[in-house]
Amino acid sequence: MKKSLFALLGASALLVSNSSAAILVAGWHAFDNNSTASEAPDSVSTGFSGLVVKNTYSVSPGGDNDGTYGNSSAWGVVPSNDGYARVTTAANLYFTVTNNNASAVQLTSLLFDAVSSQKAGGGTYDFTISYSLNGGTTWTALSTVNPALNANGFNPNQQEDFSDFVLNLSSVTLASAATIQFRFEGQGRIDNVALIAVPETSSTIALGGLLGAGVFFRSRRRSVIA
């Protein structure tokens, strides 16, 4: 009985553990040289799609050179000289991701790198990042950050180490067939943008819990009868 108890408890733990492995849902690191107003992700997980709408121009080569999305090296090495997108006070930058899977996913974080342009009177621009769900007009503020000054001035092709950002999205669930759009407001350069999520639903976690609970009560009942 003990062996079957441990086996079933292990199976339930494995079920929950496997469902909790984070994935890179969609990532952008290469940007064209002004040729298109929108681009699909450079990396995307099965069952998801995405698009960046620039509303201004992007530049290639150049960009962040630390080789990561945000500050995370968990998603492999990101090329360092394949372009970046511009965001200006007159033209925001939008990243959209759609969940085409049958199950919801729990979002965890938005990773990106950024540098700010310099204001005419000195200082740098804040970047405000917001999101909306399913094409709605209501935007929820996610964070306001202050990237480092663009060290290379107006030289578009040079590389530098952009500021790294990780924004918490743990309160956001992306349902099946749902879309989330991120809006970047500010003035400067954006590179290496990635959305991270956990492909699990509450029913999966509940199933793992029920397995463990069922085994426990079954074992307890047999012990009492004996």
C-alpha atoms as a PDB file:
ATOM      1  CA  MET A   1       0.000   0.000   0.000  1.00  0.00           C
ATOM      2  CA  LYS A   2       2.824   2.390   0.851  1.00  0.00           C
ATOM      3  CA  LYS A   3       4.388   1.879  -2.559  1.00  0.00           C
ATOM      4  CA  SER A   4       1.159   2.684  -4.380  1.00  0.00           C
ATOM      5  CA  LEU A   5       0.602   5.665  -2.100  1.00  0.00           C
ATOM      6  CA  PHE A   6       4.018   7.127  -2.855  1.00  0.00           C
ATOM      7  CA  ALA A   7       3.625   6.383  -6.558  1.00  0.00           C
ATOM      8  CA  LEU A   8       0.285   8.166  -6.810  1.00  0.00           C
ATOM      9  CA  LEU A   9       1.461  11.104  -4.735  1.00  0.00           C
ATOM     10  CA  GLY A  10       4.521  11.336  -6.955  1.00  0.00           C
ATOM     11  CA  ALA A  11       2.338  11.258 -10.059  1.00  0.00           C
ATOM     12  CA  SER A  12       0.149  14.075  -8.768  1.00  0.00           C
ATOM     13  CA  ALA A  13       3.209  16.154  -7.879  1.00  0.00           C
ATOM     14  CA  LEU A  14       4.686  15.487 -11.308  1.00  0.00           C
ATOM     15  CA  LEU A  15       1.454  16.562 -12.975  1.00  0.00           C
ATOM     16  CA  VAL A  16       1.479  19.920 -11.206  1.00  0.00           C
ATOM     17  CA  SER A  17       5.242  20.336 -11.695  1.00  0.00           C
ATOM     18  CA  ASN A  18       5.097  19.649 -15.425  1.00  0.00           C
ATOM     19  CA  SER A  19       2.224  22.068 -15.879  1.00  0.00           C
ATOM     20  CA  SER A  20       4.230  24.812 -14.159  1.00  0.00           C
ATOM     21  CA  ALA A  21       7.190  25.002 -16.552  1.00  0.00           C
ATOM     22  CA  ALA A  22       7.477  28.560 -17.852  1.00  0.00           C
ATOM     23  CA  ILE A  23       7.710  29.132 -21.603  1.00  0.00           C
ATOM     24  CA  LEU A  24       8.683  31.990 -23.853  1.00  0.00           C
ATOM     25  CA  VAL A  25       5.340  32.714 -25.499  1.00  0.00           C
ATOM     26  CA  ALA A  26       6.646  35.224 -28.037  1.00  0.00           C
ATOM     27  CA  GLY A  27       9.875  37.161 -28.458  1.00  0.00           C
ATOM     28  CA  TRP A  28      11.149  39.907 -30.754  1.00  0.00           C
ATOM     29  CA  HIS A  29      14.828  40.715 -31.161  1.00  0.00           C
ATOM     30  CA  ALA A  30      15.376  41.344 -34.892  1.00  0.00           C
ATOM     31  CA  PHE A  31      13.855  44.432 -36.455  1.00  0.00           C
ATOM     32  CA  ASP A  32      13.856  45.369 -40.123  1.00  0.00           C
ATOM     33  CA  ASN A  33      15.194  48.605 -41.543  1.00  0.00           C
ATOM     34  CA  ASN A  34      11.984  50.625 -42.054  1.00  0.00           C
ATOM     35  CA  SER A  35      10.530  48.182 -44.580  1.00  0.00           C
ATOM     36  CA  THR A  36       7.364  47.164 -42.722  1.00  0.00           C
ATOM     37  CA  ALA A  37       5.072  48.710 -40.165  1.00  0.00           C
ATOM     38  CA  SER A  38       4.500  45.380 -38.407  1.00  0.00           C
ATOM     39  CA  GLU A  39       6.489  42.211 -37.764  1.00  0.00           C
ATOM     40  CA  ALA A  40       5.755  38.712 -36.429  1.00  0.00           C
ATOM     41  CA  PRO A  41       7.803  37.398 -33.474  1.00  0.00           C
ATOM     42  CA  ASP A  42      11.278  35.997 -34.060  1.00  0.00           C
ATOM     43  CA  SER A  43      10.482  33.235 -31.543  1.00  0.00           C
ATOM     44  CA  VAL A  44       6.989  31.925 -30.742  1.00  0.00           C
ATOM     45  CA  SER A  45       5.635  28.895 -28.877  1.00  0.00           C
ATOM     46  CA  THR A  46       3.174  26.497 -30.486  1.00  0.00           C
ATOM     47  CA  GLY A  47      -0.388  27.776 -30.430  1.00  0.00           C
ATOM     48  CA  PHE A  48       0.476  31.462 -30.108  1.00  0.00           C
ATOM     49  CA  SER A  49       0.831  34.303 -32.599  1.00  0.00           C
ATOM     50  CA  GLY A  50       2.035  37.864 -32.278  1.00  0.00           C
ATOM     51  CA  LEU A  51       2.689  41.153 -34.004  1.00  0.00           C
ATOM     52  CA  VAL A  52       4.595  44.331 -33.279  1.00  0.00           C
ATOM     53  CA  VAL A  53       3.081  47.514 -34.729  1.00  0.00           C
ATOM     54  CA  LYS A  54       5.720  50.203 -34.826  1.00  0.00           C
ATOM     55  CA  ASN A  55       3.883  53.314 -36.026  1.00  0.00           C
ATOM     56  CA  THR A  56       7.351  54.707 -36.679  1.00  0.00           C
ATOM     57  CA  TYR A  57      10.574  53.229 -38.006  1.00  0.00           C
ATOM     58  CA  SER A  58      13.008  50.590 -36.843  1.00  0.00           C
ATOM     59  CA  VAL A  59      16.721  50.402 -37.491  1.00  0.00           C
ATOM     60  CA  SER A  60      19.015  47.534 -38.434  1.00  0.00           C
ATOM     61  CA  PRO A  61      21.753  46.759 -37.483  1.00  0.00           C
ATOM     62  CA  GLY A  62      22.456  48.060 -33.998  1.00  0.00           C
ATOM     63  CA  GLY A  63      20.693  47.492 -30.693  1.00  0.00           C
ATOM     64  CA  ASP A  64      21.251  45.928 -27.309  1.00  0.00           C
ATOM     65  CA  ASN A  65      24.398  43.826 -26.973  1.00  0.00           C
ATOM     66  CA  ASP A  66      24.026  41.887 -23.707  1.00  0.00           C
ATOM     67  CA  GLY A  67      22.529  38.844 -25.440  1.00  0.00           C
ATOM     68  CA  THR A  68      19.400  38.445 -23.274  1.00  0.00           C
ATOM     69  CA  TYR A  69      15.710  39.268 -23.146  1.00  0.00           C
ATOM     70  CA  GLY A  70      15.603  41.714 -20.252  1.00  0.00           C
ATOM     71  CA  ASN A  71      17.984  40.337 -17.641  1.00  0.00           C
ATOM     72  CA  SER A  72      17.175  36.661 -18.223  1.00  0.00           C
ATOM     73  CA  SER A  73      19.521  34.191 -19.887  1.00  0.00           C
ATOM     74  CA  ALA A  74      16.968  31.375 -19.499  1.00  0.00           C
ATOM     75  CA  TRP A  75      15.715  31.739 -23.072  1.00  0.00           C
ATOM     76  CA  GLY A  76      18.973  31.314 -24.939  1.00  0.00           C
ATOM     77  CA  VAL A  77      21.379  33.822 -26.449  1.00  0.00           C
ATOM     78  CA  VAL A  78      19.762  36.704 -28.308  1.00  0.00           C
ATOM     79  CA  PRO A  79      21.669  38.108 -31.337  1.00  0.00           C
ATOM     80  CA  SER A  80      23.252  41.448 -30.521  1.00  0.00           C
ATOM     81  CA  ASN A  81      23.384  43.316 -33.806  1.00  0.00           C
ATOM     82  CA  ASP A  82      20.063  42.735 -35.538  1.00  0.00           C
ATOM     83  CA  GLY A  83      18.174  45.946 -34.996  1.00  0.00           C
ATOM     84  CA  TYR A  84      15.806  47.709 -32.610  1.00  0.00           C
ATOM     85  CA  ALA A  85      12.474  49.530 -32.731  1.00  0.00           C
ATOM     86  CA  ARG A  86      11.988  53.224 -32.151  1.00  0.00           C
ATOM     87  CA  VAL A  87       9.329  54.679 -29.873  1.00  0.00           C
ATOM     88  CA  THR A  88       8.657  58.423 -29.843  1.00  0.00           C
ATOM     89  CA  THR A  89       6.367  60.772 -27.967  1.00  0.00           C
ATOM     90  CA  ALA A  90       4.362  61.123 -31.207  1.00  0.00           C
ATOM     91  CA  ALA A  91       4.208  57.406 -32.077  1.00  0.00           C
ATOM     92  CA  ASN A  92       3.740  54.632 -29.544  1.00  0.00           C
ATOM     93  CA  LEU A  93       4.947  51.053 -29.949  1.00  0.00           C
ATOM     94  CA  TYR A  94       2.536  48.110 -29.669  1.00  0.00           C
ATOM     95  CA  PHE A  95       3.220  44.393 -29.143  1.00  0.00           C
ATOM     96  CA  THR A  96       0.266  42.003 -29.498  1.00  0.00           C
ATOM     97  CA  VAL A  97       0.080  38.307 -28.551  1.00  0.00           C
ATOM     98  CA  THR A  98      -2.858  35.929 -29.135  1.00  0.00           C
ATOM     99  CA  ASN A  99      -3.449  32.597 -27.387  1.00  0.00           C
ATOM    100  CA  ASN A 100      -4.740  30.189 -30.056  1.00  0.00           C
ATOM    101  CA  ASN A 101      -4.626  27.164 -27.744  1.00  0.00           C
ATOM    102  CA  ALA A 102      -7.622  25.439 -26.162  1.00  0.00           C
ATOM    103  CA  SER A 103      -6.378  26.242 -22.645  1.00  0.00           C
ATOM    104  CA  ALA A 104      -5.674  29.453 -20.783  1.00  0.00           C
ATOM    105  CA  VAL A 105      -2.153  30.425 -19.763  1.00  0.00           C
ATOM    106  CA  GLN A 106      -0.981  32.278 -16.683  1.00  0.00           C
ATOM    107  CA  LEU A 107       1.289  35.142 -17.706  1.00  0.00           C
ATOM    108  CA  THR A 108       4.325  35.727 -15.514  1.00  0.00           C
ATOM    109  CA  SER A 109       6.468  38.536 -16.919  1.00  0.00           C
ATOM    110  CA  LEU A 110       7.257  40.914 -19.756  1.00  0.00           C
ATOM    111  CA  LEU A 111      10.980  41.229 -20.499  1.00  0.00           C
ATOM    112  CA  PHE A 112      12.569  43.982 -22.573  1.00  0.00           C
ATOM    113  CA  ASP A 113      15.631  46.190 -23.028  1.00  0.00           C
ATOM    114  CA  ALA A 114      15.453  49.953 -23.518  1.00  0.00           C
ATOM    115  CA  VAL A 115      17.443  53.165 -23.710  1.00  0.00           C
ATOM    116  CA  SER A 116      16.063  56.698 -23.578  1.00  0.00           C
ATOM    117  CA  SER A 117      16.655  59.625 -25.860  1.00  0.00           C
ATOM    118  CA  GLN A 118      17.877  62.820 -24.205  1.00  0.00           C
ATOM    119  CA  LYS A 119      15.421  65.642 -23.646  1.00  0.00           C
ATOM    120  CA  ALA A 120      16.233  69.006 -25.204  1.00  0.00           C
ATOM    121  CA  GLY A 121      16.691  70.564 -21.782  1.00  0.00           C
ATOM    122  CA  GLY A 122      18.587  67.601 -20.380  1.00  0.00           C
ATOM    123  CA  GLY A 123      17.458  64.458 -18.639  1.00  0.00           C
ATOM    124  CA  THR A 124      15.832  61.325 -19.995  1.00  0.00           C
ATOM    125  CA  TYR A 125      12.324  60.198 -20.893  1.00  0.00           C
ATOM    126  CA  ASP A 126      10.272  57.871 -18.744  1.00  0.00           C
ATOM    127  CA  PHE A 127       8.696  54.915 -20.540  1.00  0.00           C
ATOM    128  CA  THR A 128       5.151  53.953 -19.557  1.00  0.00           C
ATOM    129  CA  ILE A 129       4.046  50.413 -20.360  1.00  0.00           C
ATOM    130  CA  SER A 130       0.341  49.524 -20.344  1.00  0.00           C
ATOM    131  CA  TYR A 131      -1.741  46.610 -21.574  1.00  0.00           C
ATOM    132  CA  SER A 132      -5.263  45.959 -22.859  1.00  0.00           C
ATOM    133  CA  LEU A 133      -7.138  42.703 -23.401  1.00  0.00           C
ATOM    134  CA  ASN A 134      -9.039  41.601 -26.503  1.00  0.00           C
ATOM    135  CA  GLY A 135      -8.722  44.856 -28.390  1.00  0.00           C
ATOM    136  CA  GLY A 136     -10.379  46.892 -25.680  1.00  0.00           C
ATOM    137  CA  THR A 137      -9.922  50.618 -25.296  1.00  0.00           C
ATOM    138  CA  THR A 138      -9.253  50.382 -21.549  1.00  0.00           C
ATOM    139  CA  TRP A 139      -5.537  50.369 -20.800  1.00  0.00           C
ATOM    140  CA  THR A 140      -4.126  49.114 -17.509  1.00  0.00           C
ATOM    141  CA  ALA A 141      -0.860  50.727 -16.439  1.00  0.00           C
ATOM    142  CA  LEU A 142       1.784  48.074 -15.889  1.00  0.00           C
ATOM    143  CA  SER A 143       4.832  50.164 -14.999  1.00  0.00           C
ATOM    144  CA  THR A 144       6.700  53.413 -15.599  1.00  0.00           C
ATOM    145  CA  VAL A 145      10.461  52.947 -15.975  1.00  0.00           C
ATOM    146  CA  ASN A 146      13.404  55.250 -16.594  1.00  0.00           C
ATOM    147  CA  PRO A 147      15.928  53.661 -18.975  1.00  0.00           C
ATOM    148  CA  ALA A 148      19.525  54.798 -19.148  1.00  0.00           C
ATOM    149  CA  LEU A 149      20.448  57.497 -21.648  1.00  0.00           C
ATOM    150  CA  ASN A 150      21.273  56.325 -25.149  1.00  0.00           C
ATOM    151  CA  ALA A 151      25.071  56.426 -24.976  1.00  0.00           C
ATOM    152  CA  ASN A 152      25.517  56.484 -28.739  1.00  0.00           C
ATOM    153  CA  GLY A 153      23.503  59.614 -29.405  1.00  0.00           C
ATOM    154  CA  PHE A 154      22.099  59.635 -32.932  1.00  0.00           C
ATOM    155  CA  ASN A 155      24.369  56.949 -34.333  1.00  0.00           C
ATOM    156  CA  PRO A 156      21.743  54.329 -35.263  1.00  0.00           C
ATOM    157  CA  ASN A 157      23.994  51.359 -36.014  1.00  0.00           C
ATOM    158  CA  GLN A 158      26.156  51.104 -32.913  1.00  0.00           C
ATOM    159  CA  GLN A 159      25.501  48.574 -30.191  1.00  0.00           C
ATOM    160  CA  GLU A 160      25.338  49.250 -26.476  1.00  0.00           C
ATOM    161  CA  ASP A 161      24.090  47.629 -23.291  1.00  0.00           C
ATOM    162  CA  PHE A 162      20.480  48.773 -22.918  1.00  0.00           C
ATOM    163  CA  SER A 163      18.773  48.893 -19.517  1.00  0.00           C
ATOM    164  CA  ASP A 164      17.120  45.564 -18.624  1.00  0.00           C
ATOM    165  CA  PHE A 165      13.525  45.378 -17.415  1.00  0.00           C
ATOM    166  CA  VAL A 166      11.302  42.600 -16.031  1.00  0.00           C
ATOM    167  CA  LEU A 167       7.661  43.542 -15.419  1.00  0.00           C
ATOM    168  CA  ASN A 168       5.407  41.345 -13.290  1.00  0.00           C
ATOM    169  CA  LEU A 169       2.304  39.937 -15.018  1.00  0.00           C
ATOM    170  CA  SER A 170       1.348  37.285 -12.474  1.00  0.00           C
ATOM    171  CA  SER A 171      -2.136  38.765 -12.024  1.00  0.00           C
ATOM    172  CA  VAL A 172      -2.993  38.363 -15.733  1.00  0.00           C
ATOM    173  CA  THR A 173      -4.441  35.187 -17.278  1.00  0.00           C
ATOM    174  CA  LEU A 174      -4.673  34.948 -21.060  1.00  0.00           C
ATOM    175  CA  ALA A 175      -7.729  32.862 -21.896  1.00  0.00           C
ATOM    176  CA  SER A 176      -8.094  30.647 -24.935  1.00  0.00           C
ATOM    177  CA  ALA A 177      -8.595  32.791 -28.088  1.00  0.00           C
ATOM    178  CA  ALA A 178      -7.769  35.937 -26.084  1.00  0.00           C
ATOM    179  CA  THR A 179      -5.362  38.697 -27.109  1.00  0.00           C
ATOM    180  CA  ILE A 180      -3.168  40.955 -25.018  1.00  0.00           C
ATOM    181  CA  GLN A 181      -1.601  44.135 -26.362  1.00  0.00           C
ATOM    182  CA  PHE A 182       1.257  46.042 -24.734  1.00  0.00           C
ATOM    183  CA  ARG A 183       1.735  49.752 -25.369  1.00  0.00           C
ATOM    184  CA  PHE A 184       5.108  51.476 -24.940  1.00  0.00           C
ATOM    185  CA  GLU A 185       5.043  55.260 -24.504  1.00  0.00           C
ATOM    186  CA  GLY A 186       8.185  57.379 -24.275  1.00  0.00           C
ATOM    187  CA  GLN A 187      11.086  58.256 -26.533  1.00  0.00           C
ATOM    188  CA  GLY A 188      14.045  56.031 -27.277  1.00  0.00           C
ATOM    189  CA  ARG A 189      14.852  52.491 -28.395  1.00  0.00           C
ATOM    190  CA  ILE A 190      13.293  49.127 -27.539  1.00  0.00           C
ATOM    191  CA  ASP A 191      14.909  45.735 -28.130  1.00  0.00           C
ATOM    192  CA  ASN A 192      14.635  42.081 -27.049  1.00  0.00           C
ATOM    193  CA  VAL A 193      10.976  41.971 -26.004  1.00  0.00           C
ATOM    194  CA  ALA A 194       9.591  38.679 -24.649  1.00  0.00           C
ATOM    195  CA  LEU A 195       6.371  37.526 -23.020  1.00  0.00           C
ATOM    196  CA  ILE A 196       6.737  34.669 -20.499  1.00  0.00           C
ATOM    197  CA  ALA A 197       3.885  32.452 -19.266  1.00  0.00           C
ATOM    198  CA  VAL A 198       3.012  29.186 -17.542  1.00  0.00           C
ATOM    199  CA  PRO A 199       0.829  26.913 -19.708  1.00  0.00           C
ATOM    200  CA  GLU A 200      -1.512  25.658 -17.053  1.00  0.00           C
ATOM    201  CA  THR A 201      -5.099  26.085 -15.932  1.00  0.00           C
ATOM    202  CA  SER A 202      -6.678  25.968 -12.511  1.00  0.00           C
ATOM    203  CA  SER A 203      -8.304  22.658 -13.433  1.00  0.00           C
ATOM    204  CA  THR A 204      -4.862  21.085 -13.928  1.00  0.00           C
ATOM    205  CA  ILE A 205      -3.732  22.203 -10.489  1.00  0.00           C
ATOM    206  CA  ALA A 206      -7.030  21.058  -8.967  1.00  0.00           C
ATOM    207  CA  LEU A 207      -6.638  17.652 -10.601  1.00  0.00           C
ATOM    208  CA  GLY A 208      -3.199  17.229  -9.055  1.00  0.00           C
ATOM    209  CA  GLY A 209      -4.573  18.257  -5.671  1.00  0.00           C
ATOM    210  CA  LEU A 210      -7.524  15.875  -5.934  1.00  0.00           C
ATOM    211  CA  LEU A 211      -5.222  12.996  -6.836  1.00  0.00           C
ATOM    212  CA  GLY A 212      -3.153  13.591  -3.733  1.00  0.00           C
ATOM    213  CA  ALA A 213      -6.208  14.126  -1.508  1.00  0.00           C
ATOM    214  CA  GLY A 214      -7.931  11.030  -2.859  1.00  0.00           C
ATOM    215  CA  VAL A 215      -4.923   8.862  -2.139  1.00  0.00           C
ATOM    216  CA  PHE A 216      -4.614  10.296   1.360  1.00  0.00           C
ATOM    217  CA  PHE A 217      -8.231   9.646   2.351  1.00  0.00           C
ATOM    218  CA  ARG A 218      -8.232   6.189   0.762  1.00  0.00           C
ATOM    219  CA  SER A 219      -5.125   5.279   2.739  1.00  0.00           C
ATOM    220  CA  ARG A 220      -6.600   6.697   5.944  1.00  0.00           C
ATOM    221  CA  ARG A 221      -9.816   4.761   5.493  1.00  0.00           C
ATOM    222  CA  ARG A 222      -7.977   1.460   5.008  1.00  0.00           C
ATOM    223  CA  SER A 223      -5.874   2.112   8.092  1.00  0.00           C
ATOM    224  CA  VAL A 224      -8.992   2.668  10.242  1.00  0.00           C
ATOM    225  CA  ILE A 225     -10.721  -0.472   8.926  1.00  0.00           C
ATOM    226  CA  ALA A 226      -7.641  -2.529   9.611  1.00  0.00           C
END
